Amino acid sequence: MARGSGWLSRARRLLDGHEDCVEQGYLLVPVALQSMAEGDAAKACTTFSQAGEIGNRFQDPDLLTLGQLGRGQALIHLGEVSEGVALLDDAMVAVTTGEVSPIVAGLAYCAVIEACHEIFDVRRAQEWTTALSSWCDSQPDLVLYRGQCLVHRSELLQMHGDWQVAMDETHRAR
């Protein structure tokens, strides 16, 4: 955490005086995430919106998607579930059409699946977990998300009562 904080401070210092650039938008993402972690979903929503607007202005699909994802999650935490889910699904269009980088795609899959679990939308969680599995299978060198994918699969299998297969997936993830 300390090292990451140092890098963020350095980035802010280097961008000081460069107000209108896409990098300023990327620096808003950890600020918004911190607001979410502190329980201030309204502030997070506003900050994610700002990041998404910068992503849109500079035509940066990664930043735009991160802004939409975060705003969707924040809206869910604010009790605006339908609007939040719509934003998450919209962000996932960019993911499933290959408009974003693999790192953002992986983050998006996990964020959306986690949000689905939070609101007990098992059907949507199943749909996005299946899409994540296909995405991981199409990229065998992408080790970073394979374990998370297996964990999500295991959770869904547990919800459906398929205990043995769920345990097998858990062992594969480990």
Protein backbone atom coordinates (compact mmCIF):
# COMPACT_ATOMS: atom_id res chain seq x y z
CA MET A 1 0.00 0.00 0.00
CA ALA A 2 2.78 2.44 0.90
CA ARG A 3 4.63 1.82 -2.37
CA GLY A 4 1.43 2.25 -4.37
CA SER A 5 0.65 5.46 -2.51
CA GLY A 6 4.13 6.72 -3.35
CA TRP A 7 3.65 6.03 -7.05
CA LEU A 8 0.29 7.78 -7.04
CA SER A 9 1.82 10.80 -5.29
CA ARG A 10 4.60 10.89 -7.87
CA ALA A 11 2.10 10.70 -10.72
CA ARG A 12 0.08 13.59 -9.23
CA ARG A 13 3.26 15.65 -8.86
CA LEU A 14 4.34 14.94 -12.45
CA LEU A 15 0.91 15.87 -13.78
CA ASP A 16 0.67 19.03 -11.72
CA GLY A 17 -0.09 21.82 -14.19
CA HIS A 18 -1.40 19.40 -16.85
CA GLU A 19 -5.08 19.62 -15.90
CA ASP A 20 -6.64 18.43 -19.13
CA CYS A 21 -5.16 15.04 -19.94
CA VAL A 22 -6.35 11.44 -19.83
CA GLU A 23 -3.84 10.61 -17.10
CA GLN A 24 -5.72 12.93 -14.72
CA GLY A 25 -8.73 10.67 -15.23
CA TYR A 26 -6.75 7.58 -14.34
CA LEU A 27 -5.64 9.27 -11.11
CA LEU A 28 -9.30 9.74 -10.18
CA VAL A 29 -9.93 5.98 -10.16
CA PRO A 30 -7.97 5.21 -6.96
CA VAL A 31 -9.52 8.29 -5.31
CA ALA A 32 -12.99 6.94 -6.15
CA LEU A 33 -12.07 3.45 -4.96
CA GLN A 34 -10.89 4.92 -1.66
CA SER A 35 -14.21 6.73 -1.29
CA MET A 36 -16.03 3.43 -1.86
CA ALA A 37 -13.83 1.69 0.70
CA GLU A 38 -14.65 4.44 3.20
CA GLY A 39 -18.38 3.97 2.60
CA ASP A 40 -18.92 7.22 0.68
CA ALA A 41 -20.66 5.83 -2.41
CA ALA A 42 -22.01 9.26 -3.39
CA LYS A 43 -18.53 10.78 -3.56
CA ALA A 44 -17.26 7.68 -5.38
CA CYS A 45 -20.09 7.97 -7.90
CA THR A 46 -19.22 11.59 -8.64
CA THR A 47 -15.51 10.83 -8.95
CA PHE A 48 -16.07 7.81 -11.20
CA SER A 49 -18.36 9.98 -13.35
CA GLN A 50 -15.57 12.54 -13.72
CA ALA A 51 -13.11 9.80 -14.70
CA GLY A 52 -15.57 8.42 -17.27
CA GLU A 53 -16.15 11.88 -18.73
CA ILE A 54 -12.40 12.32 -19.18
CA GLY A 55 -12.21 8.88 -20.78
CA ASN A 56 -15.00 9.84 -23.16
CA ARG A 57 -13.43 13.22 -23.99
CA PHE A 58 -10.07 11.63 -24.79
CA GLN A 59 -11.64 8.56 -26.42
CA ASP A 60 -9.90 6.21 -24.00
CA PRO A 61 -12.05 3.04 -23.78
CA ASP A 62 -10.18 1.68 -20.74
CA LEU A 63 -10.79 4.80 -18.63
CA LEU A 64 -14.37 5.16 -19.88
CA THR A 65 -15.06 1.53 -18.91
CA LEU A 66 -13.46 1.91 -15.48
CA GLY A 67 -15.57 5.01 -14.89
CA GLN A 68 -18.77 3.23 -15.90
CA LEU A 69 -17.96 0.18 -13.78
CA GLY A 70 -17.21 2.23 -10.71
CA ARG A 71 -20.23 4.43 -11.16
CA GLY A 72 -22.43 1.36 -11.58
CA GLN A 73 -21.07 -0.17 -8.39
CA ALA A 74 -21.51 3.10 -6.51
CA LEU A 75 -25.12 3.44 -7.70
CA ILE A 76 -25.83 -0.08 -6.47
CA HIS A 77 -24.44 0.88 -3.07
CA LEU A 78 -26.67 3.97 -3.14
CA GLY A 79 -29.72 1.75 -3.67
CA GLU A 80 -30.16 2.63 -7.34
CA VAL A 81 -29.74 -0.99 -8.39
CA SER A 82 -31.45 -0.89 -11.80
CA GLU A 83 -29.47 2.13 -12.95
CA GLY A 84 -26.24 0.65 -11.56
CA VAL A 85 -26.75 -2.72 -13.26
CA ALA A 86 -27.55 -0.99 -16.56
CA LEU A 87 -24.22 0.86 -16.35
CA LEU A 88 -22.37 -2.36 -15.55
CA ASP A 89 -23.96 -4.13 -18.53
CA ASP A 90 -23.12 -1.14 -20.75
CA ALA A 91 -19.50 -1.24 -19.62
CA MET A 92 -19.37 -4.95 -20.35
CA VAL A 93 -20.26 -4.30 -23.99
CA ALA A 94 -16.82 -2.69 -24.37
CA VAL A 95 -15.27 -5.71 -22.67
CA THR A 96 -17.02 -8.38 -24.72
CA THR A 97 -16.36 -6.59 -28.02
CA GLY A 98 -12.63 -6.35 -27.30
CA GLU A 99 -12.53 -2.56 -27.02
CA VAL A 100 -10.53 -2.58 -23.78
CA SER A 101 -7.14 -3.93 -22.72
CA PRO A 102 -6.92 -7.40 -21.13
CA ILE A 103 -6.18 -5.95 -17.68
CA VAL A 104 -9.29 -3.75 -17.74
CA ALA A 105 -11.33 -6.63 -19.18
CA GLY A 106 -10.31 -8.91 -16.31
CA LEU A 107 -11.01 -6.22 -13.73
CA ALA A 108 -14.38 -5.56 -15.31
CA TYR A 109 -15.43 -9.21 -15.31
CA CYS A 110 -14.53 -9.58 -11.65
CA ALA A 111 -16.17 -6.28 -10.64
CA VAL A 112 -19.42 -7.12 -12.42
CA ILE A 113 -19.57 -10.66 -11.04
CA GLU A 114 -18.89 -9.36 -7.53
CA ALA A 115 -21.67 -6.77 -7.94
CA CYS A 116 -24.03 -9.51 -9.10
CA HIS A 117 -23.23 -11.50 -5.97
CA GLU A 118 -23.87 -8.43 -3.80
CA ILE A 119 -27.36 -7.97 -5.22
CA PHE A 120 -28.06 -11.73 -5.45
CA ASP A 121 -28.53 -11.63 -9.22
CA VAL A 122 -27.49 -15.26 -9.79
CA ARG A 123 -28.65 -15.33 -13.42
CA ARG A 124 -26.50 -12.34 -14.35
CA ALA A 125 -23.55 -13.65 -12.30
CA GLN A 126 -23.83 -16.97 -14.17
CA GLU A 127 -23.94 -15.22 -17.53
CA TRP A 128 -20.87 -13.06 -16.83
CA THR A 129 -18.98 -15.97 -15.24
CA THR A 130 -19.58 -18.04 -18.37
CA ALA A 131 -18.33 -15.14 -20.49
CA LEU A 132 -15.28 -14.78 -18.19
CA SER A 133 -14.56 -18.50 -18.51
CA SER A 134 -14.67 -18.29 -22.31
CA TRP A 135 -12.45 -15.20 -22.26
CA CYS A 136 -9.91 -16.92 -19.98
CA ASP A 137 -9.99 -20.09 -22.10
CA SER A 138 -9.25 -18.03 -25.23
CA GLN A 139 -6.12 -16.61 -23.57
CA PRO A 140 -4.17 -19.49 -22.01
CA ASP A 141 -1.23 -17.23 -21.09
CA LEU A 142 -3.48 -14.98 -19.00
CA VAL A 143 -2.79 -16.63 -15.65
CA LEU A 144 -3.79 -13.61 -13.54
CA TYR A 145 -7.55 -14.13 -13.94
CA ARG A 146 -7.75 -17.90 -14.33
CA GLY A 147 -7.86 -18.55 -10.56
CA GLN A 148 -10.50 -15.88 -10.01
CA CYS A 149 -12.54 -17.34 -12.82
CA LEU A 150 -12.45 -20.76 -11.18
CA VAL A 151 -13.46 -19.27 -7.83
CA HIS A 152 -16.47 -17.57 -9.44
CA ARG A 153 -17.42 -20.81 -11.14
CA SER A 154 -17.15 -22.64 -7.83
CA GLU A 155 -19.37 -20.09 -6.08
CA LEU A 156 -22.07 -20.48 -8.71
CA LEU A 157 -21.85 -24.25 -8.61
CA GLN A 158 -22.35 -24.08 -4.83
CA MET A 159 -25.45 -21.92 -5.33
CA HIS A 160 -26.83 -24.60 -7.62
CA GLY A 161 -26.00 -27.35 -5.12
CA ASP A 162 -23.35 -29.03 -7.29
CA TRP A 163 -20.96 -29.48 -4.34
CA GLN A 164 -18.50 -31.99 -5.82
CA VAL A 165 -17.85 -30.02 -9.01
CA ALA A 166 -17.61 -26.84 -6.92
CA MET A 167 -14.91 -28.47 -4.78
CA ASP A 168 -13.08 -29.63 -7.91
CA GLU A 169 -13.07 -26.05 -9.24
CA THR A 170 -11.80 -24.78 -5.88
CA HIS A 171 -8.91 -27.25 -5.96
CA ARG A 172 -8.06 -26.21 -9.53
CA ALA A 173 -8.11 -22.54 -8.47
CA ARG A 174 -5.75 -23.27 -5.59
